[in-house]
Amino acid sequence: MFPSPVKEDLPLDPASVRKELTAVLERADYKHVRFHDLRHTFATSALAHGMDVKTLSAAIGHVSAATTLDIYAHTTGKMQARAAE
């Protein structure tokens, strides 16, 4: 997913990914966010926008949709309101 530009067939070094994310956030004048936090945000946003759990689970590499729901998906107020309707 994140190939190294210098070492063929190897991924980027995690430290360089964190460093680049920090630089992007600083340029955007945004608070510190861990790279893993983006995973939670993606999962919640995907569900809020109608992605089914099985598709989301496959997209983030889980074998079980239950894992995706239990760990990474967080309900939003909009999701709760839609369910109440």
N, C-alpha and C. Protein backbone atom coordinates (compact mmCIF):
# COMPACT_ATOMS: atom_id res chain seq x y z
N MET A 1 0.82 -1.19 0.00
CA MET A 1 0.00 0.00 0.00
C MET A 1 0.87 1.26 0.00
N PHE A 2 1.94 1.24 0.74
CA PHE A 2 2.85 2.38 0.81
C PHE A 2 4.26 1.91 0.44
N PRO A 3 4.53 1.77 -0.86
CA PRO A 3 5.84 1.24 -1.27
C PRO A 3 6.97 2.23 -1.03
N SER A 4 8.11 1.69 -0.71
CA SER A 4 9.28 2.51 -0.47
C SER A 4 9.83 3.02 -1.81
N PRO A 5 10.15 4.31 -1.89
CA PRO A 5 10.73 4.84 -3.13
C PRO A 5 12.21 4.47 -3.30
N VAL A 6 12.84 3.98 -2.22
CA VAL A 6 14.26 3.64 -2.28
C VAL A 6 14.57 2.16 -2.18
N LYS A 7 13.70 1.41 -1.53
CA LYS A 7 13.95 -0.02 -1.35
C LYS A 7 12.87 -0.81 -2.08
N GLU A 8 13.20 -1.28 -3.26
CA GLU A 8 12.25 -2.00 -4.09
C GLU A 8 11.65 -3.19 -3.33
N ASP A 9 10.37 -3.39 -3.48
CA ASP A 9 9.62 -4.49 -2.88
C ASP A 9 9.48 -4.41 -1.36
N LEU A 10 9.76 -3.25 -0.78
CA LEU A 10 9.59 -3.06 0.66
C LEU A 10 8.62 -1.91 0.90
N PRO A 11 7.92 -1.94 2.03
CA PRO A 11 7.03 -0.81 2.34
C PRO A 11 7.82 0.36 2.90
N LEU A 12 7.18 1.51 2.95
CA LEU A 12 7.79 2.67 3.60
C LEU A 12 8.07 2.35 5.06
N ASP A 13 9.08 2.98 5.59
CA ASP A 13 9.39 2.86 7.01
C ASP A 13 8.28 3.56 7.80
N PRO A 14 7.69 2.90 8.81
CA PRO A 14 6.61 3.52 9.58
C PRO A 14 6.98 4.89 10.15
N ALA A 15 8.22 5.07 10.55
CA ALA A 15 8.64 6.35 11.11
C ALA A 15 8.54 7.46 10.06
N SER A 16 8.85 7.15 8.81
CA SER A 16 8.77 8.17 7.77
C SER A 16 7.31 8.52 7.46
N VAL A 17 6.43 7.53 7.57
CA VAL A 17 5.00 7.79 7.37
C VAL A 17 4.48 8.71 8.48
N ARG A 18 4.86 8.43 9.72
CA ARG A 18 4.44 9.29 10.84
C ARG A 18 4.99 10.70 10.67
N LYS A 19 6.23 10.81 10.25
CA LYS A 19 6.86 12.12 10.07
C LYS A 19 6.13 12.92 8.99
N GLU A 20 5.79 12.27 7.90
CA GLU A 20 5.08 12.95 6.82
C GLU A 20 3.68 13.38 7.27
N LEU A 21 2.98 12.51 8.00
CA LEU A 21 1.66 12.87 8.51
C LEU A 21 1.76 14.08 9.43
N THR A 22 2.74 14.10 10.30
CA THR A 22 2.95 15.24 11.20
C THR A 22 3.17 16.51 10.41
N ALA A 23 3.98 16.45 9.36
CA ALA A 23 4.25 17.62 8.53
C ALA A 23 2.98 18.12 7.84
N VAL A 24 2.19 17.20 7.33
CA VAL A 24 0.93 17.57 6.66
C VAL A 24 -0.01 18.25 7.64
N LEU A 25 -0.12 17.68 8.84
CA LEU A 25 -1.01 18.25 9.85
C LEU A 25 -0.54 19.64 10.29
N GLU A 26 0.77 19.80 10.42
CA GLU A 26 1.30 21.11 10.80
C GLU A 26 1.03 22.15 9.72
N ARG A 27 1.23 21.77 8.44
CA ARG A 27 0.95 22.71 7.34
C ARG A 27 -0.52 23.09 7.30
N ALA A 28 -1.38 22.17 7.69
CA ALA A 28 -2.82 22.43 7.70
C ALA A 28 -3.27 23.11 8.99
N ASP A 29 -2.32 23.36 9.89
CA ASP A 29 -2.62 23.95 11.20
C ASP A 29 -3.68 23.12 11.93
N TYR A 30 -3.44 21.80 11.94
CA TYR A 30 -4.37 20.87 12.54
C TYR A 30 -3.71 20.17 13.72
N LYS A 31 -4.52 19.75 14.68
CA LYS A 31 -3.98 19.08 15.87
C LYS A 31 -3.32 17.75 15.50
N HIS A 32 -2.53 17.24 16.43
CA HIS A 32 -1.84 15.96 16.24
C HIS A 32 -2.86 14.83 16.15
N VAL A 33 -2.69 13.96 15.16
CA VAL A 33 -3.53 12.79 14.97
C VAL A 33 -2.60 11.62 14.68
N ARG A 34 -2.83 10.50 15.33
CA ARG A 34 -2.04 9.31 15.03
C ARG A 34 -2.55 8.72 13.71
N PHE A 35 -1.66 8.09 12.97
CA PHE A 35 -2.04 7.49 11.69
C PHE A 35 -3.17 6.49 11.91
N HIS A 36 -3.10 5.74 12.99
CA HIS A 36 -4.13 4.74 13.28
C HIS A 36 -5.50 5.38 13.52
N ASP A 37 -5.52 6.62 14.02
CA ASP A 37 -6.79 7.32 14.23
C ASP A 37 -7.54 7.50 12.92
N LEU A 38 -6.81 7.62 11.83
CA LEU A 38 -7.44 7.77 10.51
C LEU A 38 -8.24 6.52 10.16
N ARG A 39 -7.80 5.39 10.64
CA ARG A 39 -8.51 4.13 10.39
C ARG A 39 -9.89 4.15 11.05
N HIS A 40 -9.94 4.63 12.29
CA HIS A 40 -11.21 4.75 13.01
C HIS A 40 -12.13 5.74 12.29
N THR A 41 -11.57 6.86 11.89
CA THR A 41 -12.35 7.88 11.18
C THR A 41 -12.91 7.32 9.89
N PHE A 42 -12.07 6.60 9.14
CA PHE A 42 -12.54 6.01 7.88
C PHE A 42 -13.68 5.03 8.13
N ALA A 43 -13.52 4.15 9.11
CA ALA A 43 -14.54 3.14 9.38
C ALA A 43 -15.87 3.79 9.75
N THR A 44 -15.84 4.77 10.62
CA THR A 44 -17.05 5.45 11.04
C THR A 44 -17.69 6.20 9.88
N SER A 45 -16.88 6.91 9.12
CA SER A 45 -17.39 7.67 7.99
C SER A 45 -17.98 6.76 6.92
N ALA A 46 -17.32 5.65 6.65
CA ALA A 46 -17.81 4.70 5.64
C ALA A 46 -19.18 4.17 6.04
N LEU A 47 -19.35 3.81 7.30
CA LEU A 47 -20.65 3.32 7.77
C LEU A 47 -21.70 4.43 7.71
N ALA A 48 -21.31 5.63 8.11
CA ALA A 48 -22.25 6.76 8.11
C ALA A 48 -22.73 7.09 6.70
N HIS A 49 -21.90 6.80 5.72
CA HIS A 49 -22.26 7.10 4.33
C HIS A 49 -22.83 5.89 3.60
N GLY A 50 -23.17 4.85 4.35
CA GLY A 50 -23.90 3.74 3.77
C GLY A 50 -23.10 2.53 3.32
N MET A 51 -21.80 2.49 3.57
CA MET A 51 -21.04 1.29 3.20
C MET A 51 -21.49 0.14 4.09
N ASP A 52 -21.73 -1.02 3.49
CA ASP A 52 -22.13 -2.15 4.31
C ASP A 52 -20.92 -2.70 5.08
N VAL A 53 -21.21 -3.34 6.20
CA VAL A 53 -20.17 -3.78 7.13
C VAL A 53 -19.23 -4.81 6.50
N LYS A 54 -19.75 -5.72 5.70
CA LYS A 54 -18.90 -6.74 5.08
C LYS A 54 -17.88 -6.10 4.14
N THR A 55 -18.31 -5.13 3.35
CA THR A 55 -17.40 -4.44 2.43
C THR A 55 -16.36 -3.66 3.20
N LEU A 56 -16.79 -2.96 4.23
CA LEU A 56 -15.86 -2.20 5.07
C LEU A 56 -14.86 -3.13 5.73
N SER A 57 -15.33 -4.24 6.25
CA SER A 57 -14.46 -5.20 6.92
C SER A 57 -13.36 -5.69 5.97
N ALA A 58 -13.74 -5.99 4.74
CA ALA A 58 -12.75 -6.42 3.75
C ALA A 58 -11.79 -5.28 3.41
N ALA A 59 -12.31 -4.06 3.31
CA ALA A 59 -11.47 -2.91 2.95
C ALA A 59 -10.38 -2.64 3.99
N ILE A 60 -10.69 -2.87 5.24
CA ILE A 60 -9.69 -2.60 6.28
C ILE A 60 -8.96 -3.87 6.74
N GLY A 61 -9.24 -4.98 6.06
CA GLY A 61 -8.46 -6.18 6.29
C GLY A 61 -8.88 -7.07 7.43
N HIS A 62 -10.14 -7.00 7.82
CA HIS A 62 -10.63 -7.88 8.87
C HIS A 62 -11.26 -9.13 8.28
N VAL A 63 -11.10 -10.25 8.97
CA VAL A 63 -11.74 -11.49 8.56
C VAL A 63 -13.21 -11.46 8.97
N SER A 64 -13.48 -10.86 10.11
CA SER A 64 -14.83 -10.84 10.67
C SER A 64 -15.40 -9.43 10.70
N ALA A 65 -16.64 -9.30 10.25
CA ALA A 65 -17.33 -8.01 10.33
C ALA A 65 -17.57 -7.62 11.79
N ALA A 66 -17.68 -8.60 12.66
CA ALA A 66 -17.87 -8.31 14.09
C ALA A 66 -16.67 -7.55 14.65
N THR A 67 -15.49 -7.89 14.22
CA THR A 67 -14.29 -7.18 14.67
C THR A 67 -14.37 -5.72 14.24
N THR A 68 -14.76 -5.50 13.01
CA THR A 68 -14.88 -4.14 12.50
C THR A 68 -15.86 -3.33 13.34
N LEU A 69 -17.01 -3.91 13.61
CA LEU A 69 -18.03 -3.19 14.39
C LEU A 69 -17.61 -3.00 15.84
N ASP A 70 -17.01 -4.02 16.43
CA ASP A 70 -16.65 -3.94 17.84
C ASP A 70 -15.51 -2.97 18.12
N ILE A 71 -14.56 -2.89 17.22
CA ILE A 71 -13.34 -2.12 17.50
C ILE A 71 -13.27 -0.80 16.77
N TYR A 72 -13.62 -0.77 15.50
CA TYR A 72 -13.34 0.40 14.69
C TYR A 72 -14.52 1.29 14.34
N ALA A 73 -15.72 0.78 14.43
CA ALA A 73 -16.87 1.60 14.04
C ALA A 73 -17.49 2.26 15.25
N HIS A 74 -17.71 3.56 15.14
CA HIS A 74 -18.30 4.34 16.22
C HIS A 74 -19.56 5.00 15.67
N THR A 75 -20.66 4.94 16.41
CA THR A 75 -21.87 5.56 15.91
C THR A 75 -21.78 7.07 16.05
N THR A 76 -22.42 7.75 15.14
CA THR A 76 -22.48 9.21 15.19
C THR A 76 -23.91 9.61 15.51
N GLY A 77 -24.10 10.85 15.91
CA GLY A 77 -25.44 11.34 16.19
C GLY A 77 -26.35 11.24 14.97
N LYS A 78 -25.78 11.49 13.79
CA LYS A 78 -26.54 11.39 12.55
C LYS A 78 -26.99 9.95 12.30
N MET A 79 -26.12 9.00 12.58
CA MET A 79 -26.46 7.59 12.40
C MET A 79 -27.58 7.20 13.36
N GLN A 80 -27.51 7.67 14.59
CA GLN A 80 -28.54 7.36 15.58
C GLN A 80 -29.87 7.99 15.20
N ALA A 81 -29.84 9.22 14.70
CA ALA A 81 -31.07 9.90 14.28
C ALA A 81 -31.71 9.16 13.11
N ARG A 82 -30.90 8.74 12.16
CA ARG A 82 -31.42 8.01 11.00
C ARG A 82 -32.06 6.70 11.44
N ALA A 83 -31.45 6.02 12.40
CA ALA A 83 -32.01 4.74 12.90
C ALA A 83 -33.34 5.00 13.63
N ALA A 84 -33.43 6.09 14.35
CA ALA A 84 -34.64 6.42 15.08
C ALA A 84 -35.80 6.73 14.14
N GLU A 85 -35.47 7.34 12.98
CA GLU A 85 -36.51 7.65 12.00
C GLU A 85 -37.12 6.38 11.46
